[in-house]
């Protein structure tokens, strides 16, 4: 297939662009390329639209009919970055041509036709983002000891677990054969693997839940051995279920086979499927886009969406697990369903709470690599559709799992604004690139997919872009002060806030927020300048004091050579004249 076959009208003049915040439409020329929708007014300083087709979630048509005659129409584009854009076209034929082209180009099924495989960066790649956060590097200190943990390549061909990476960290005492047996016991082959090791030695593992199928045994000694190995000196461990299950038996480990492990249920929500999260997000955005509704109705719609409830539950589960690791020193296994969604939300949040490295820009990148990309979260499948596509038109495998994690991270940032090197801007950038991007980081559902698509050799990593000095500078939190301590967030309902910088940015003018943020940056910059000047002045003062002391010492030695000693009689000194003394500056009194 060639892009030219899908582009019926590559260029069209006289197109009117409407967006949610502009009072007047923009009249310009519309150009359609293989990957972008471009609208330019050709006027100096005027706004231009560059929209990736992959960003478009839904195309709606509103034909303009007068006296039963079609006179063009309006094409409404609802985007995955939550924008809503309208294009008004006067010609009936061009109206159909443009709308059909956009709909087909925004729903390409062949992954290799997406923009990351065609994008060529116009800057020098300082470091390969794909090579930055490999397991052998992330767990280097842990593996260096060689006593407790090792790197296994039992899944190098992805035959044991299709969604896991080729390399994983497991307990040294566990054999590859035991791993194979445990994988056969758990849904999707996602056997327990190391997610995080706390400073006190307590470990957090993650996996899927045990399989429920006819003929599948309810016991696996190899799986029991994997869990019992990490108990160490602890007398008990905890198994956290983040999904809730459909019954007490079959969906979790049997008590009699895991006697040292206490099972705790902390579901993020009562989901019938992963798409339930997207249903909730859809209701949230319907409320956020309705700027005309009353405050009572708004609050009611916000509550009915259930979104903030999911945020609260995820943070609550993460805090309980973090307490088990930090305060009790007990190992934890986290699972939920297939281990691809709620499990990753919670294990990631636990690390943001406990590990200060995860509150830095590179630390967040490493966390997303470990838990989400190498952990097998199916980004392409989950992000095929977003909140604007009606439920009956989207795949049931679509979800907003990753968004929920980023929203929870935003809540932590909002409660501890000085403990994060980044702010909400980085979270927004990463979210957008996970849905549509010129970079290949989020392409595919797992490492196996990315290898088959040759993502690592044919595309550029998002991390390579974000880590460029000029880009990093634009994402820094001006209030950041490194905080090595654990951060314990409030999980009271009143503490959970709406991420308005994301959800309302296209419906409510954010210019005042930007002005306020600019003032904060200016104040912080001024404070840094004053601190720098103060340090410089202190150094100058210290140098002057050193010179003064040296000068005094020199004058004192010279006076000593010419002044009579006390035991030598001076006939000129009759004791009647006033003695001469020097003040600290050497001046005569």
Protein backbone atom coordinates (compact mmCIF):
# COMPACT_ATOMS: atom_id res chain seq x y z
CA UNK A 1 0.00 0.00 0.00
CA UNK A 2 1.19 3.50 -0.87
CA UNK A 3 0.16 6.61 1.00
CA UNK A 4 -0.74 8.28 -2.30
CA UNK A 5 -3.58 5.77 -2.72
CA UNK A 6 -5.20 7.08 0.46
CA UNK A 7 -4.69 10.81 -0.17
CA UNK A 8 -7.45 11.86 -2.56
CA UNK A 9 -6.93 15.61 -2.05
CA UNK A 10 -3.34 16.40 -1.04
CA UNK A 11 -3.90 20.19 -0.90
CA UNK A 12 -6.97 22.36 -0.40
CA UNK A 13 -7.33 26.14 -0.01
CA UNK A 14 -10.02 27.99 1.94
CA UNK A 15 -10.32 25.58 4.87
CA UNK A 16 -11.57 27.02 8.18
CA UNK A 17 -10.04 25.68 11.39
CA UNK A 18 -11.94 25.89 14.69
CA UNK A 19 -10.53 24.84 18.06
CA UNK A 20 -11.91 24.93 21.60
CA UNK A 21 -10.16 28.09 22.81
CA UNK A 22 -10.08 30.35 19.73
CA UNK A 23 -12.92 32.81 19.30
CA UNK A 24 -12.42 33.11 15.55
CA UNK A 25 -11.67 30.44 12.96
CA UNK A 26 -8.36 30.34 11.09
CA UNK A 27 -8.58 30.43 7.29
CA UNK A 28 -5.76 28.54 5.62
CA UNK A 29 -4.48 25.90 3.24
CA UNK A 30 -4.84 22.27 4.25
CA UNK A 31 -2.14 19.78 3.23
CA UNK A 32 -2.37 16.03 3.78
CA UNK A 33 0.83 13.96 3.82
CA UNK A 34 1.40 10.33 4.65
CA UNK A 35 1.70 11.05 8.38
CA UNK A 36 0.63 14.65 9.02
CA UNK A 37 -2.31 16.95 8.63
CA UNK A 38 -0.98 20.48 8.09
CA UNK A 39 -2.94 23.73 8.00
CA UNK A 40 -1.07 26.95 7.24
CA UNK A 41 -2.35 30.48 6.82
CA UNK A 42 0.86 31.61 5.10
CA UNK A 43 0.75 34.71 7.30
CA UNK A 44 3.75 35.74 9.36
CA UNK A 45 3.29 34.95 13.03
CA UNK A 46 0.01 33.10 12.44
CA UNK A 47 -0.74 29.78 14.10
CA UNK A 48 -0.12 26.59 12.13
CA UNK A 49 -1.51 23.13 12.72
CA UNK A 50 0.78 20.09 12.51
CA UNK A 51 -1.18 17.02 13.51
CA UNK A 52 0.02 13.43 13.33
CA UNK A 53 -2.66 11.17 11.87
CA UNK A 54 -1.85 8.72 14.66
CA UNK A 55 -3.02 11.37 17.14
CA UNK A 56 -6.58 11.28 15.77
CA UNK A 57 -8.87 9.12 17.88
CA UNK A 58 -12.18 9.73 16.12
CA UNK A 59 -13.37 11.40 12.90
CA UNK A 60 -16.91 12.80 12.97
CA UNK A 61 -18.70 14.21 9.93
CA UNK A 62 -21.33 16.97 9.97
CA UNK A 63 -22.53 17.59 6.41
CA UNK A 64 -23.95 21.01 5.54
CA UNK A 65 -27.18 20.50 3.61
CA UNK A 66 -29.27 23.37 2.21
CA UNK A 67 -32.50 22.65 0.33
CA UNK A 68 -31.51 18.97 0.12
CA UNK A 69 -28.26 19.95 -1.55
CA UNK A 70 -24.92 19.12 0.05
CA UNK A 71 -22.76 22.24 0.32
CA UNK A 72 -19.74 20.78 2.05
CA UNK A 73 -19.51 20.13 5.76
CA UNK A 74 -17.49 20.12 8.95
CA UNK A 75 -15.00 17.41 9.92
CA UNK A 76 -14.55 17.12 13.69
CA UNK A 77 -11.25 15.56 14.78
CA UNK A 78 -11.14 14.26 18.35
CA UNK A 79 -7.53 13.62 19.28
CA UNK A 80 -5.66 11.39 21.69
CA UNK A 81 -3.99 14.44 23.23
CA UNK A 82 -7.59 15.41 24.23
CA UNK A 83 -7.93 18.25 21.68
CA UNK A 84 -11.09 18.69 19.60
CA UNK A 85 -10.54 20.37 16.21
CA UNK A 86 -13.07 21.21 13.51
CA UNK A 87 -12.31 21.71 9.80
CA UNK A 88 -14.96 23.42 7.67
CA UNK A 89 -14.82 22.65 3.95
CA UNK A 90 -17.12 24.29 1.42
CA UNK A 91 -16.81 21.85 -1.48
CA UNK A 92 -18.92 18.65 -1.22
CA UNK A 93 -16.43 16.48 -3.09
CA UNK A 94 -13.45 17.78 -1.18
CA UNK A 95 -15.36 17.33 2.07
CA UNK A 96 -15.75 13.62 1.35
CA UNK A 97 -12.21 13.25 0.02
CA UNK A 98 -10.56 14.87 3.03
CA UNK A 99 -12.68 13.08 5.64
CA UNK A 100 -12.14 9.67 4.02
CA UNK A 101 -8.38 10.21 3.72
CA UNK A 102 -8.03 11.30 7.35
CA UNK A 103 -10.07 8.36 8.61
CA UNK A 104 -8.01 5.81 6.68
CA UNK A 105 -4.63 7.38 7.52
CA UNK A 106 -5.46 7.56 11.22
CA UNK A 107 -6.37 3.87 11.34
CA UNK A 108 -3.42 2.18 9.67
CA UNK A 109 -3.19 -1.42 10.79
CA UNK A 110 0.36 -2.08 9.60
CA UNK A 111 2.75 -0.90 12.32
CA UNK A 112 5.68 -0.43 9.94
CA UNK A 113 3.71 2.27 8.14
CA UNK A 114 3.70 4.51 11.23
CA UNK A 115 5.77 7.68 11.42
CA UNK A 116 8.59 6.41 13.72
CA UNK A 117 9.83 4.21 10.87
CA UNK A 118 10.10 7.23 8.54
CA UNK A 119 11.28 9.92 10.96
CA UNK A 120 14.89 11.12 10.66
CA UNK A 121 16.05 13.37 13.52
CA UNK A 122 17.62 16.66 12.49
CA UNK A 123 19.95 16.70 15.48
CA UNK A 124 22.91 14.61 16.60
CA UNK A 125 22.10 11.61 18.78
CA UNK A 126 24.22 12.08 21.90
CA UNK A 127 23.26 8.73 23.44
CA UNK A 128 21.21 5.73 22.32
CA UNK A 129 18.12 5.67 24.52
CA UNK A 130 17.49 2.02 23.66
CA UNK A 131 20.75 1.00 25.35
CA UNK A 132 20.42 3.11 28.49
CA UNK A 133 18.26 0.99 30.78
CA UNK A 134 18.92 -2.68 30.03
CA UNK A 135 18.39 -5.13 32.95
CA UNK A 136 22.10 -5.89 33.35
CA UNK A 137 22.70 -2.15 33.84
CA UNK A 138 19.71 -1.38 36.04
CA UNK A 139 20.46 -4.22 38.44
CA UNK A 140 24.26 -4.03 38.10
CA UNK A 141 24.93 -3.44 41.82
CA UNK A 142 22.63 -6.27 42.80
CA UNK A 143 24.19 -8.68 40.33
CA UNK A 144 27.73 -7.65 41.23
CA UNK A 145 27.51 -9.43 44.59
CA UNK A 146 26.65 -12.68 42.85
CA UNK A 147 25.29 -14.31 46.00
CA UNK A 148 21.54 -13.81 45.83
CA UNK A 149 20.53 -12.84 42.29
CA UNK A 150 21.43 -13.71 38.73
CA UNK A 151 20.47 -12.72 35.20
CA UNK A 152 18.62 -15.48 33.37
CA UNK A 153 18.25 -15.81 29.60
CA UNK A 154 15.84 -18.74 29.76
CA UNK A 155 13.32 -16.58 27.87
CA UNK A 156 15.78 -15.48 25.18
CA UNK A 157 13.53 -16.86 22.44
CA UNK A 158 10.37 -15.65 24.24
CA UNK A 159 8.99 -19.17 24.32
CA UNK A 160 8.56 -19.25 28.11
CA UNK A 161 6.69 -15.94 28.38
CA UNK A 162 5.91 -13.96 25.21
CA UNK A 163 5.35 -10.69 27.10
CA UNK A 164 8.53 -10.76 29.22
CA UNK A 165 11.93 -9.59 28.01
CA UNK A 166 14.83 -11.78 26.97
CA UNK A 167 16.73 -11.12 30.22
CA UNK A 168 15.34 -11.09 33.75
CA UNK A 169 16.67 -11.02 37.29
CA UNK A 170 15.81 -14.06 39.42
CA UNK A 171 17.07 -15.59 42.66
CA UNK A 172 20.39 -17.40 42.18
CA UNK A 173 19.14 -20.55 43.91
CA UNK A 174 16.28 -20.94 41.39
CA UNK A 175 17.04 -23.05 38.32
CA UNK A 176 15.84 -22.38 34.79
CA UNK A 177 13.79 -25.58 34.96
CA UNK A 178 11.90 -24.24 37.97
CA UNK A 179 11.25 -21.03 36.05
CA UNK A 180 9.75 -23.03 33.18
CA UNK A 181 7.47 -24.91 35.60
CA UNK A 182 6.37 -21.72 37.35
CA UNK A 183 5.62 -20.06 33.99
CA UNK A 184 3.34 -22.97 33.07
CA UNK A 185 1.47 -22.41 36.36
CA UNK A 186 0.74 -18.71 35.82
CA UNK A 187 -1.41 -16.83 33.32
CA UNK A 188 0.53 -15.92 30.18
CA UNK A 189 3.69 -17.50 31.58
CA UNK A 190 4.39 -14.44 33.74
CA UNK A 191 6.26 -16.13 36.58
CA UNK A 192 7.47 -14.07 39.61
CA UNK A 193 10.39 -11.79 38.70
CA UNK A 194 12.26 -9.17 40.68
CA UNK A 195 10.73 -5.73 40.38
CA UNK A 196 12.48 -3.79 43.16
CA UNK A 197 14.87 -4.37 46.06
CA UNK A 198 14.57 -1.85 48.87
CA UNK A 199 17.52 -0.40 50.76
CA UNK A 200 16.79 -2.67 53.74
CA UNK A 201 16.95 -5.78 51.54
CA UNK A 202 13.19 -6.38 51.26
CA UNK A 203 12.18 -7.38 47.74
CA UNK A 204 9.11 -6.82 45.59
CA UNK A 205 8.24 -9.39 42.93
CA UNK A 206 5.52 -9.19 40.29
CA UNK A 207 3.72 -11.84 38.28
CA UNK A 208 0.34 -12.78 36.86
CA UNK A 209 -2.23 -14.76 38.82
CA UNK A 210 -2.29 -18.57 38.72
CA UNK A 211 -4.03 -20.08 35.71
CA UNK A 212 -7.65 -21.16 35.93
CA UNK A 213 -8.33 -23.79 33.29
CA UNK A 214 -9.45 -27.41 33.12
CA UNK A 215 -6.55 -29.78 33.62
CA UNK A 216 -4.28 -27.14 35.15
CA UNK A 217 -2.92 -28.17 38.53
CA UNK A 218 -3.60 -25.89 41.48
CA UNK A 219 -0.14 -26.42 42.90
CA UNK A 220 3.34 -25.73 41.59
CA UNK A 221 6.28 -26.56 43.87
CA UNK A 222 8.68 -24.61 41.66
CA UNK A 223 6.54 -21.51 42.05
CA UNK A 224 6.45 -22.01 45.81
CA UNK A 225 10.24 -22.31 45.82
CA UNK A 226 10.65 -19.01 43.93
CA UNK A 227 8.58 -17.18 46.52
CA UNK A 228 10.07 -18.89 49.57
CA UNK A 229 13.61 -18.12 48.38
CA UNK A 230 13.08 -14.37 48.85
CA UNK A 231 11.72 -14.75 52.39
CA UNK A 232 15.23 -14.67 53.82
CA UNK A 233 15.14 -13.88 57.53
CA UNK A 234 11.56 -12.65 57.30
CA UNK A 235 9.03 -15.04 58.78
CA UNK A 236 6.29 -13.96 56.42
CA UNK A 237 5.65 -12.37 53.07
CA UNK A 238 2.63 -10.73 51.48
CA UNK A 239 0.81 -11.53 48.24
CA UNK A 240 -1.15 -8.51 46.99
CA UNK A 241 -3.96 -8.95 44.50
CA UNK A 242 -4.62 -5.69 42.61
CA UNK A 243 -7.44 -7.02 40.45
CA UNK A 244 -9.96 -8.45 42.90
CA UNK A 245 -10.61 -11.70 41.08
CA UNK A 246 -13.92 -13.42 40.52
CA UNK A 247 -13.73 -15.74 43.47
CA UNK A 248 -11.62 -16.81 46.39
CA UNK A 249 -10.44 -20.04 44.81
CA UNK A 250 -8.56 -20.55 41.59
CA UNK A 251 -7.51 -16.96 40.99
CA UNK A 252 -4.89 -16.78 43.68
CA UNK A 253 -2.43 -18.97 45.51
CA UNK A 254 -3.77 -21.73 47.78
CA UNK A 255 -3.22 -21.01 51.49
CA UNK A 256 -1.95 -24.47 52.41
CA UNK A 257 0.80 -24.35 49.77
CA UNK A 258 1.99 -20.84 50.70
CA UNK A 259 1.77 -20.96 54.53
CA UNK A 260 4.30 -18.17 55.08
CA UNK A 261 2.57 -15.79 52.72
CA UNK A 262 -0.39 -13.70 53.73
CA UNK A 263 -2.80 -12.79 50.94
CA UNK A 264 -4.09 -9.21 50.82
CA UNK A 265 -6.65 -7.91 48.34
CA UNK A 266 -6.24 -4.27 47.28
CA UNK A 267 -8.15 -3.98 44.00
CA UNK A 268 -7.86 -0.74 42.07
CA UNK A 269 -11.40 -1.28 40.87
CA UNK A 270 -14.01 -3.92 40.17
CA UNK A 271 -13.17 -4.39 36.51
CA UNK A 272 -15.05 -6.65 34.14
CA UNK A 273 -12.23 -5.99 31.67
CA UNK A 274 -9.32 -3.59 31.18
CA UNK A 275 -11.57 -1.38 29.03
CA UNK A 276 -13.48 -0.38 32.18
CA UNK A 277 -10.72 2.13 32.90
CA UNK A 278 -11.21 3.71 29.48
CA UNK A 279 -14.97 3.91 30.07
CA UNK A 280 -14.26 5.85 33.25
CA UNK A 281 -11.79 8.13 31.47
CA UNK A 282 -14.36 8.77 28.75
CA UNK A 283 -16.91 9.99 31.31
CA UNK A 284 -14.26 12.17 32.93
CA UNK A 285 -13.44 13.90 29.63
CA UNK A 286 -17.12 14.40 28.80
CA UNK A 287 -17.40 16.33 32.06
CA UNK A 288 -14.17 18.29 31.50
CA UNK A 289 -15.21 19.36 28.00
CA UNK A 290 -18.63 20.60 29.15
CA UNK A 291 -17.65 24.07 30.35
CA UNK A 292 -21.27 25.26 30.46
CA UNK A 293 -22.62 22.88 33.10
CA UNK A 294 -23.37 24.02 36.65
CA UNK A 295 -20.99 23.34 39.50
CA UNK A 296 -23.35 20.81 41.09
CA UNK A 297 -23.72 18.91 37.84
CA UNK A 298 -19.96 19.06 37.25
CA UNK A 299 -19.17 17.59 40.67
CA UNK A 300 -21.80 14.90 40.16
CA UNK A 301 -20.40 13.93 36.76
CA UNK A 302 -16.86 13.91 38.15
CA UNK A 303 -17.92 11.51 40.90
CA UNK A 304 -19.93 9.30 38.54
CA UNK A 305 -16.93 8.91 36.25
CA UNK A 306 -15.14 7.03 39.06
CA UNK A 307 -11.73 8.14 37.78
CA UNK A 308 -10.48 9.78 40.96
CA UNK A 309 -11.63 6.70 42.87
CA UNK A 310 -9.29 4.58 40.78
CA UNK A 311 -6.49 7.06 41.48
CA UNK A 312 -7.18 6.86 45.20
CA UNK A 313 -7.30 3.05 45.22
CA UNK A 314 -4.04 2.75 43.28
CA UNK A 315 -2.22 5.10 45.65
CA UNK A 316 -3.67 3.32 48.67
CA UNK A 317 -2.49 -0.08 47.44
CA UNK A 318 0.97 1.31 46.68
CA UNK A 319 1.27 2.86 50.16
CA UNK A 320 0.33 -0.37 51.92
CA UNK A 321 2.91 -2.34 49.90
CA UNK A 322 5.54 0.35 50.50
CA UNK A 323 4.92 0.05 54.26
CA UNK A 324 5.39 -3.72 54.12
CA UNK A 325 8.75 -3.24 52.39
CA UNK A 326 10.04 -0.21 54.27
CA UNK A 327 8.68 -0.61 57.78
CA UNK A 328 8.28 -4.36 58.17
CA UNK A 329 11.08 -5.45 55.86
CA UNK A 330 8.84 -8.16 54.41
CA UNK A 331 8.98 -9.40 50.81
CA UNK A 332 5.95 -8.77 48.60
CA UNK A 333 4.50 -10.41 45.49
CA UNK A 334 2.18 -8.18 43.48
CA UNK A 335 -0.18 -9.56 40.85
CA UNK A 336 -3.56 -8.90 39.31
CA UNK A 337 -5.17 -10.68 36.38
CA UNK A 338 -2.63 -11.18 33.61
CA UNK A 339 -0.14 -8.89 35.36
CA UNK A 340 -0.07 -6.42 32.46
CA UNK A 341 -2.07 -3.52 33.91
CA UNK A 342 -3.00 -2.92 37.55
CA UNK A 343 0.08 -4.87 38.67
CA UNK A 344 2.41 -2.50 36.83
CA UNK A 345 0.60 0.58 38.12
CA UNK A 346 1.12 -0.45 41.73
CA UNK A 347 4.71 -1.75 41.47
CA UNK A 348 5.71 1.48 39.70
CA UNK A 349 4.08 3.72 42.30
CA UNK A 350 5.74 1.81 45.13
CA UNK A 351 9.12 2.65 43.63
CA UNK A 352 8.27 6.34 43.19
CA UNK A 353 7.32 6.44 46.88
CA UNK A 354 10.36 4.55 48.17
CA UNK A 355 13.13 5.29 45.68
CA UNK A 356 14.25 8.93 45.23
CA UNK A 357 15.93 8.00 41.92
CA UNK A 358 12.48 7.48 40.40
CA UNK A 359 11.72 11.12 41.12
CA UNK A 360 14.40 12.27 38.69
CA UNK A 361 13.98 12.57 34.92
CA UNK A 362 16.30 9.68 34.08
CA UNK A 363 14.96 7.68 37.00
CA UNK A 364 11.41 7.94 35.64
CA UNK A 365 12.62 6.84 32.22
CA UNK A 366 14.37 3.83 33.77
CA UNK A 367 11.23 2.96 35.76
CA UNK A 368 9.05 3.04 32.65
CA UNK A 369 11.59 0.88 30.82
CA UNK A 370 11.79 -1.73 33.60
CA UNK A 371 8.17 -1.99 34.61
CA UNK A 372 6.23 -1.09 31.47
CA UNK A 373 8.32 -1.64 28.34
CA UNK A 374 10.43 -4.61 29.45
CA UNK A 375 7.53 -5.67 31.69
CA UNK A 376 5.39 -6.26 28.61
CA UNK A 377 2.62 -3.68 28.87
CA UNK A 378 0.89 -3.86 25.44
CA UNK A 379 1.10 -0.19 24.48
CA UNK A 380 0.06 -0.59 20.83
CA UNK A 381 -2.98 -2.65 21.80
CA UNK A 382 -4.02 -0.54 24.80
CA UNK A 383 -3.52 2.79 22.97
CA UNK A 384 -5.17 1.91 19.68
CA UNK A 385 -8.16 3.95 20.85
CA UNK A 386 -8.62 6.59 23.51
CA UNK A 387 -11.52 8.25 25.32
CA UNK A 388 -13.28 9.80 22.31
CA UNK A 389 -13.94 6.56 20.45
CA UNK A 390 -17.38 5.21 21.51
CA UNK A 391 -17.27 1.96 23.46
CA UNK A 392 -19.05 0.00 20.72
CA UNK A 393 -16.47 1.10 18.12
CA UNK A 394 -13.26 0.42 20.01
CA UNK A 395 -11.51 -2.82 20.87
CA UNK A 396 -12.14 -4.27 24.32
CA UNK A 397 -8.38 -4.50 24.77
CA UNK A 398 -8.06 -0.69 24.72
CA UNK A 399 -7.44 0.87 28.11
CA UNK A 400 -6.08 3.87 30.01
CA UNK A 401 -3.78 1.96 32.36
CA UNK A 402 -0.63 3.96 31.68
CA UNK A 403 -2.55 7.22 32.04
CA UNK A 404 -3.74 6.11 35.49
CA UNK A 405 -0.14 5.51 36.57
CA UNK A 406 0.94 8.95 35.34
CA UNK A 407 -2.05 10.57 37.07
CA UNK A 408 -1.07 8.89 40.35
CA UNK A 409 2.50 10.12 39.86
CA UNK A 410 1.09 13.60 39.33
CA UNK A 411 -0.74 13.28 42.69
CA UNK A 412 2.58 12.46 44.38
CA UNK A 413 4.21 15.43 42.67
CA UNK A 414 1.34 17.72 43.75
CA UNK A 415 1.77 16.66 47.39
CA UNK A 416 5.59 16.81 47.29
CA UNK A 417 6.35 19.51 44.69
CA UNK A 418 9.96 20.00 45.85
CA UNK A 419 10.90 16.29 45.79
CA UNK A 420 10.59 15.77 42.02
CA UNK A 421 13.20 16.85 39.50
CA UNK A 422 10.41 16.94 36.87
CA UNK A 423 6.90 18.34 36.96
CA UNK A 424 3.60 17.72 35.16
CA UNK A 425 5.09 18.75 31.80
CA UNK A 426 7.29 15.65 31.56
CA UNK A 427 4.36 13.41 32.52
CA UNK A 428 2.25 15.00 29.77
CA UNK A 429 5.01 14.64 27.17
CA UNK A 430 5.53 10.94 27.97
CA UNK A 431 1.77 10.30 27.90
CA UNK A 432 1.39 11.90 24.47
CA UNK A 433 4.34 9.98 23.00
CA UNK A 434 2.88 6.72 24.30
CA UNK A 435 -0.16 7.33 22.03
CA UNK A 436 1.43 9.01 19.00
CA UNK A 437 5.04 9.82 18.31
CA UNK A 438 7.89 10.17 15.87
CA UNK A 439 9.91 7.96 18.22
CA UNK A 440 9.78 4.18 18.46
CA UNK A 441 9.98 3.71 22.24
CA UNK A 442 6.31 2.79 22.70
CA UNK A 443 5.85 0.90 19.42
CA UNK A 444 4.74 -2.72 19.86
CA UNK A 445 3.28 -4.67 22.75
CA UNK A 446 6.48 -6.20 24.13
CA UNK A 447 10.18 -6.67 23.52
CA UNK A 448 9.52 -9.56 21.13
CA UNK A 449 7.36 -7.30 18.94
CA UNK A 450 10.01 -4.58 18.90
CA UNK A 451 12.70 -7.02 17.84
CA UNK A 452 10.52 -8.39 15.05
CA UNK A 453 9.73 -4.87 13.86
CA UNK A 454 13.43 -3.89 14.17
CA UNK A 455 12.41 -0.92 16.29
CA UNK A 456 15.83 -0.66 17.96
CA UNK A 457 17.64 -0.24 14.64
CA UNK A 458 15.04 1.49 12.46
CA UNK A 459 13.67 4.12 14.85
CA UNK A 460 14.92 6.71 17.34
CA UNK A 461 14.35 6.40 21.09
CA UNK A 462 12.24 8.99 22.91
CA UNK A 463 14.84 8.98 25.69
CA UNK A 464 17.52 10.09 23.19
CA UNK A 465 15.38 13.15 22.52
CA UNK A 466 14.36 13.94 26.10
CA UNK A 467 17.92 13.69 27.42
CA UNK A 468 19.27 16.38 25.12
CA UNK A 469 20.43 19.28 27.34
CA UNK A 470 18.12 21.86 25.77
CA UNK A 471 15.10 19.56 26.15
CA UNK A 472 15.90 18.50 29.72
CA UNK A 473 16.19 22.15 30.71
CA UNK A 474 12.61 22.79 29.57
CA UNK A 475 11.25 19.95 31.74
CA UNK A 476 13.01 20.70 35.04
CA UNK A 477 10.99 21.52 38.13
CA UNK A 478 12.27 24.90 39.38
CA UNK A 479 11.33 24.00 42.97
CA UNK A 480 13.30 20.75 43.07
CA UNK A 481 15.44 20.02 46.12
CA UNK A 482 16.83 16.44 46.23
CA UNK A 483 15.02 14.48 48.92
CA UNK A 484 16.55 11.08 49.77
CA UNK A 485 13.72 10.17 52.15
CA UNK A 486 10.64 8.07 51.55
CA UNK A 487 7.60 10.18 50.68
CA UNK A 488 4.34 9.10 52.31
CA UNK A 489 1.38 10.66 50.48
CA UNK A 490 -2.02 11.34 51.98
CA UNK A 491 -4.62 8.96 50.58
CA UNK A 492 -7.58 10.80 52.10
CA UNK A 493 -10.19 11.51 49.38
CA UNK A 494 -9.83 15.25 49.96
CA UNK A 495 -6.13 15.02 49.03
CA UNK A 496 -6.82 13.72 45.50
CA UNK A 497 -7.07 16.52 42.93
CA UNK A 498 -7.98 16.75 39.27
CA UNK A 499 -5.02 16.94 36.89
CA UNK A 500 -6.38 20.10 35.29
CA UNK A 501 -3.13 20.89 33.43
CA UNK A 502 -3.86 17.80 31.33
CA UNK A 503 -7.62 17.24 31.29
CA UNK A 504 -8.71 20.89 30.96
CA UNK A 505 -5.87 22.40 28.96
CA UNK A 506 -7.84 22.56 25.69
CA UNK A 507 -11.17 23.66 27.20
CA UNK A 508 -10.00 26.21 29.79
CA UNK A 509 -7.44 28.88 29.03
CA UNK A 510 -4.18 27.93 30.74
CA UNK A 511 -2.38 31.22 30.00
CA UNK A 512 -2.60 32.40 33.61
CA UNK A 513 -1.10 29.12 34.79
CA UNK A 514 1.78 29.61 32.37
CA UNK A 515 2.28 33.19 33.58
CA UNK A 516 2.34 32.04 37.20
CA UNK A 517 4.77 29.26 36.35
CA UNK A 518 6.98 31.76 34.53
CA UNK A 519 7.03 33.97 37.61
CA UNK A 520 8.04 31.02 39.77
CA UNK A 521 10.86 30.21 37.38
CA UNK A 522 11.98 33.85 37.43
CA UNK A 523 11.94 33.97 41.25
CA UNK A 524 13.86 30.73 41.53
CA UNK A 525 16.33 31.92 38.93
CA UNK A 526 16.75 35.18 40.83
CA UNK A 527 17.32 33.26 44.06
CA UNK A 528 20.00 31.12 42.39
CA UNK A 529 21.71 34.25 41.07
CA UNK A 530 21.68 35.82 44.53
CA UNK A 531 23.06 32.64 46.08
CA UNK A 532 25.80 32.55 43.48
CA UNK A 533 26.66 36.18 44.16
CA UNK A 534 26.66 35.54 47.91
CA UNK A 535 29.06 32.62 47.47
CA UNK A 536 31.30 34.77 45.27
CA UNK A 537 31.30 37.61 47.81
CA UNK A 538 32.12 35.20 50.64
CA UNK A 539 35.09 33.95 48.65
CA UNK A 540 36.24 37.50 48.02
CA UNK A 541 35.87 38.31 51.74
CA UNK A 542 37.85 35.22 52.70
CA UNK A 543 40.61 36.19 50.25
CA UNK A 544 40.73 39.75 51.64
CA UNK A 545 40.93 38.43 55.19
CA UNK A 546 43.75 36.10 54.18
CA UNK A 547 45.64 38.99 52.57
CA UNK A 548 45.07 41.16 55.64
CA UNK A 549 46.35 38.45 57.97
CA UNK A 550 49.40 37.95 55.78
CA UNK A 551 50.02 41.71 55.77
CA UNK A 552 49.72 41.93 59.55
CA UNK A 553 52.11 39.07 60.02
CA UNK A 554 54.63 40.76 57.76
CA UNK A 555 54.39 44.12 59.55
CA UNK A 556 54.67 42.45 62.92
CA UNK A 557 57.91 40.72 61.94
CA UNK A 558 59.42 43.96 60.67
CA UNK A 559 58.46 45.87 63.86
CA UNK A 560 60.00 43.11 65.92
CA UNK A 561 63.35 43.57 64.16
CA UNK A 562 63.50 47.33 64.91
CA UNK A 563 61.77 47.49 68.30
CA UNK A 564 63.96 47.21 71.45
CA UNK A 565 63.34 44.22 73.58
CA UNK A 566 61.82 44.64 77.01
CA UNK A 567 65.04 43.75 78.84
CA UNK A 568 67.15 46.37 77.02
CA UNK A 569 67.33 49.80 78.65
CA UNK A 570 66.37 52.71 76.39
CA UNK A 571 67.73 55.94 77.71
CA UNK A 572 65.27 57.89 75.58
CA UNK A 573 62.28 56.39 77.28
CA UNK A 574 61.63 58.23 80.47
CA UNK A 575 58.08 56.98 80.79
CA UNK A 576 56.53 60.40 80.53
CA UNK A 577 55.59 60.28 76.84
CA UNK A 578 52.43 58.57 75.72
CA UNK A 579 53.17 55.19 74.19
CA UNK A 580 52.33 54.56 70.55
CA UNK A 581 50.01 51.66 69.66
CA UNK A 582 48.38 50.32 66.49
CA UNK A 583 44.77 49.36 65.92
CA UNK A 584 43.93 46.16 63.96
CA UNK A 585 44.28 48.04 60.67
CA UNK A 586 47.77 49.22 61.56
CA UNK A 587 46.85 52.95 61.91
CA UNK A 588 48.36 55.04 64.66
CA UNK A 589 46.21 56.42 67.42
